[in-house]
Amino acid sequence: MKMPEILTDKNFTYGLKVIASRDSDLADILQALGSPPLWVREPGFATLIQIILEQQVSLASAKAVFERLQQIILPITPENFLILNDDQIKKIGFSRQKALYGRLLAESIITGQLDLLTLNGMDDEDVRSVLKKSKGIGDWTVDIYLLMALRRPDSLPKGDLGLALAIQKVKQLEKRPTPQEIESIAENWRPWRALATRLLWHYYLSKRSLKQ
């Protein structure tokens, strides 16, 4: 079985050239801002916890909670996570719901129901199917894990707010595009949609910093 392709420094540069040649708006961003960061995270339980914390909150809020978690348990393993009692996990900043998601994820790994190492050799849709069996892990969480941890070149987090706002601005759309509209727009970027996403995040963050 062929291993899925992952992003490297070499194909990262090549992929950016490809999407820029196909989409003049992305070419303009690349020209103005240069290459985006690779934004890589270590595959594993800790990164999935971090992404769960980032669901529907600001990245700054999630980062603060994750850093407090790191101060209490290091390394962040399923076993260490399950040691935390309700009071501890609440003080760290987890909502009751996200604490539940984290505990269920930890338990599924400890019991062997979920083996994160096997995801490395699966294609994107098989990864999606396996991870979504865990309560609290939906498409956005899977897409971010594929994009950052597994470094898949064609992952598209079509439900991501920052991506939607960047596309709206760059494409001069009257309304924020829906996930379905984002998927349609992104068809032209295959098989490098994860690179287009990074480039659009790069644009979004640069615009946001200019407003501060």
Protein backbone atom coordinates (compact mmCIF):
# COMPACT_ATOMS: atom_id res chain seq x y z
CA MET A 1 0.00 0.00 0.00
CA LYS A 2 1.34 3.39 -0.97
CA MET A 3 1.96 5.78 1.94
CA PRO A 4 0.01 9.06 1.73
CA GLU A 5 2.03 12.04 0.57
CA ILE A 6 3.09 14.52 3.23
CA LEU A 7 4.26 18.10 2.94
CA THR A 8 8.01 18.68 2.90
CA ASP A 9 10.03 21.84 2.34
CA LYS A 10 10.55 20.78 -1.28
CA ASN A 11 6.96 20.06 -2.30
CA PHE A 12 5.72 22.98 -0.18
CA THR A 13 7.54 25.41 -2.46
CA TYR A 14 6.43 23.53 -5.57
CA GLY A 15 2.78 23.40 -4.46
CA LEU A 16 2.71 27.14 -3.78
CA LYS A 17 3.91 27.79 -7.32
CA VAL A 18 1.19 25.53 -8.71
CA ILE A 19 -1.70 27.20 -6.88
CA ALA A 20 -0.32 30.66 -7.63
CA SER A 21 -0.22 29.78 -11.35
CA ARG A 22 -3.89 28.74 -11.21
CA ASP A 23 -5.32 31.50 -9.02
CA SER A 24 -4.24 35.11 -9.48
CA ASP A 25 -5.65 36.11 -6.08
CA LEU A 26 -3.41 33.58 -4.35
CA ALA A 27 -0.52 34.70 -6.54
CA ASP A 28 -1.05 38.26 -5.30
CA ILE A 29 -0.91 37.11 -1.66
CA LEU A 30 2.25 35.13 -2.29
CA GLN A 31 3.82 38.11 -4.02
CA ALA A 32 2.88 40.52 -1.23
CA LEU A 33 3.50 38.36 1.85
CA GLY A 34 5.83 35.61 0.75
CA SER A 35 5.46 31.97 1.70
CA PRO A 36 3.20 31.18 4.67
CA PRO A 37 4.47 29.27 7.71
CA LEU A 38 4.26 25.49 7.46
CA TRP A 39 2.34 25.43 10.78
CA VAL A 40 3.26 21.90 11.77
CA ARG A 41 2.29 20.16 15.01
CA GLU A 42 3.46 16.84 16.42
CA PRO A 43 1.01 14.01 15.66
CA GLY A 44 -0.58 12.49 18.75
CA PHE A 45 -2.91 12.91 21.69
CA ALA A 46 -1.61 16.32 22.82
CA THR A 47 -2.24 17.90 19.43
CA LEU A 48 -5.76 16.47 19.26
CA ILE A 49 -6.46 17.97 22.72
CA GLN A 50 -5.12 21.32 21.50
CA ILE A 51 -7.39 21.24 18.43
CA ILE A 52 -10.40 20.29 20.56
CA LEU A 53 -9.64 23.33 22.75
CA GLU A 54 -9.59 25.49 19.61
CA GLN A 55 -13.09 24.47 18.56
CA GLN A 56 -15.35 27.55 18.31
CA VAL A 57 -13.12 29.81 20.44
CA SER A 58 -10.32 32.24 19.68
CA LEU A 59 -6.88 30.75 19.15
CA ALA A 60 -5.56 32.99 21.93
CA SER A 61 -8.06 31.58 24.44
CA ALA A 62 -7.30 28.00 23.42
CA LYS A 63 -3.55 28.64 23.60
CA ALA A 64 -3.86 29.98 27.15
CA VAL A 65 -5.78 26.88 28.29
CA PHE A 66 -3.35 24.53 26.54
CA GLU A 67 -0.37 26.25 28.16
CA ARG A 68 -1.97 25.90 31.61
CA LEU A 69 -2.50 22.21 30.85
CA GLN A 70 1.19 21.88 29.97
CA GLN A 71 2.11 23.41 33.34
CA ILE A 72 0.09 20.75 35.17
CA ILE A 73 0.83 17.64 33.12
CA LEU A 74 3.90 17.17 30.96
CA PRO A 75 4.02 15.22 28.79
CA ILE A 76 0.36 15.45 27.83
CA THR A 77 -0.46 11.76 27.54
CA PRO A 78 -3.81 9.96 27.82
CA GLU A 79 -2.71 8.47 31.15
CA ASN A 80 -1.69 11.83 32.62
CA PHE A 81 -4.84 13.53 31.33
CA LEU A 82 -7.08 11.02 33.11
CA ILE A 83 -5.36 11.77 36.43
CA LEU A 84 -6.93 15.26 36.43
CA ASN A 85 -10.06 15.55 38.57
CA ASP A 86 -13.06 17.74 37.75
CA ASP A 87 -11.83 20.71 39.79
CA GLN A 88 -8.37 20.63 38.27
CA ILE A 89 -9.59 20.43 34.70
CA LYS A 90 -12.10 23.23 35.31
CA LYS A 91 -9.39 25.50 36.79
CA ILE A 92 -7.22 24.86 33.75
CA GLY A 93 -10.05 26.24 31.62
CA PHE A 94 -11.75 23.25 30.04
CA SER A 95 -15.50 23.46 29.60
CA ARG A 96 -17.41 20.47 30.93
CA GLN A 97 -18.02 19.36 27.34
CA LYS A 98 -14.39 19.57 26.24
CA ALA A 99 -13.24 17.82 29.40
CA LEU A 100 -15.57 14.97 28.47
CA TYR A 101 -14.24 14.87 24.91
CA GLY A 102 -10.67 14.75 26.19
CA ARG A 103 -11.37 11.97 28.67
CA LEU A 104 -13.23 9.85 26.13
CA LEU A 105 -10.38 10.30 23.65
CA ALA A 106 -7.81 9.36 26.31
CA GLU A 107 -9.79 6.26 27.29
CA SER A 108 -10.18 5.12 23.68
CA ILE A 109 -6.40 5.33 23.19
CA ILE A 110 -5.57 3.54 26.46
CA THR A 111 -8.03 0.71 25.74
CA GLY A 112 -6.68 0.30 22.21
CA GLN A 113 -9.88 1.31 20.46
CA LEU A 114 -7.94 4.12 18.78
CA ASP A 115 -4.32 3.80 17.64
CA LEU A 116 -3.13 7.19 16.46
CA LEU A 117 0.05 5.74 14.95
CA THR A 118 -1.98 3.81 12.37
CA LEU A 119 -3.36 7.09 10.99
CA ASN A 120 0.00 7.88 9.39
CA GLY A 121 -0.51 5.17 6.77
CA MET A 122 -4.19 5.85 6.06
CA ASP A 123 -5.61 8.05 3.33
CA ASP A 124 -7.42 11.22 4.37
CA GLU A 125 -10.94 9.82 4.30
CA ASP A 126 -10.00 6.75 6.34
CA VAL A 127 -8.40 9.06 8.92
CA ARG A 128 -11.65 11.05 8.97
CA SER A 129 -13.73 7.92 9.46
CA VAL A 130 -11.58 6.67 12.35
CA LEU A 131 -11.26 9.97 14.23
CA LYS A 132 -14.94 10.89 13.92
CA LYS A 133 -15.84 7.82 15.94
CA SER A 134 -14.57 9.79 18.96
CA LYS A 135 -17.22 12.02 20.56
CA GLY A 136 -16.42 15.69 20.05
CA ILE A 137 -14.27 15.18 16.95
CA GLY A 138 -15.95 16.48 13.81
CA ASP A 139 -14.83 17.41 10.33
CA TRP A 140 -13.07 20.66 11.31
CA THR A 141 -10.98 18.92 13.99
CA VAL A 142 -10.06 16.14 11.55
CA ASP A 143 -9.17 18.65 8.82
CA ILE A 144 -6.84 20.59 11.12
CA TYR A 145 -5.20 17.36 12.33
CA LEU A 146 -4.72 16.23 8.73
CA LEU A 147 -3.34 19.61 7.74
CA MET A 148 -1.00 20.32 10.67
CA ALA A 149 -0.13 17.00 12.31
CA LEU A 150 -0.23 14.59 9.37
CA ARG A 151 0.85 17.31 6.91
CA ARG A 152 -1.47 16.18 4.17
CA PRO A 153 -1.20 18.48 1.12
CA ASP A 154 -4.87 18.47 0.13
CA SER A 155 -6.65 18.90 3.47
CA LEU A 156 -9.27 21.65 3.34
CA PRO A 157 -10.85 22.86 6.62
CA LYS A 158 -13.91 24.19 4.83
CA GLY A 159 -15.65 24.96 8.14
CA ASP A 160 -12.85 27.25 9.33
CA LEU A 161 -13.89 30.84 10.08
CA GLY A 162 -10.51 32.42 9.32
CA LEU A 163 -10.37 30.67 5.96
CA ALA A 164 -13.91 31.76 5.09
CA LEU A 165 -13.21 35.41 6.00
CA ALA A 166 -9.99 35.42 4.00
CA ILE A 167 -11.71 33.97 0.93
CA GLN A 168 -14.53 36.50 1.25
CA LYS A 169 -12.03 39.37 1.28
CA VAL A 170 -9.68 38.04 -1.39
CA LYS A 171 -12.45 36.99 -3.76
CA GLN A 172 -14.47 40.16 -3.01
CA LEU A 173 -17.61 38.23 -2.11
CA GLU A 174 -20.64 40.01 -0.67
CA LYS A 175 -21.19 37.33 1.96
CA ARG A 176 -18.99 34.94 3.85
CA PRO A 177 -18.83 31.75 1.77
CA THR A 178 -20.46 28.60 3.09
CA PRO A 179 -18.42 25.42 3.50
CA GLN A 180 -19.96 24.13 0.27
CA GLU A 181 -19.00 27.32 -1.57
CA ILE A 182 -15.47 27.09 -0.16
CA GLU A 183 -15.22 23.53 -1.45
CA SER A 184 -16.32 24.69 -4.89
CA ILE A 185 -13.84 27.58 -4.97
CA ALA A 186 -11.07 25.28 -3.74
CA GLU A 187 -11.59 22.71 -6.48
CA ASN A 188 -9.09 24.65 -8.60
CA TRP A 189 -6.42 24.24 -5.89
CA ARG A 190 -6.36 20.43 -5.80
CA PRO A 191 -4.19 18.58 -4.82
CA TRP A 192 -2.67 21.47 -2.84
CA ARG A 193 -5.68 22.80 -0.93
CA ALA A 194 -3.78 22.68 2.38
CA LEU A 195 -1.22 25.08 0.91
CA ALA A 196 -3.92 27.45 -0.31
CA THR A 197 -5.42 27.31 3.20
CA ARG A 198 -2.09 28.25 4.78
CA LEU A 199 -1.65 31.08 2.30
CA LEU A 200 -5.13 32.43 3.06
CA TRP A 201 -4.55 32.13 6.82
CA HIS A 202 -1.29 34.02 6.27
CA TYR A 203 -3.28 36.78 4.58
CA TYR A 204 -6.01 36.78 7.26
CA LEU A 205 -3.50 37.06 10.11
CA SER A 206 -1.57 39.85 8.37
CA LYS A 207 -4.78 41.87 7.90
CA ARG A 208 -5.87 41.25 11.48
CA SER A 209 -2.51 42.42 12.84
CA LEU A 210 -2.72 45.59 10.78
CA LYS A 211 -5.99 46.51 12.54
CA GLN A 212 -4.46 46.23 16.01
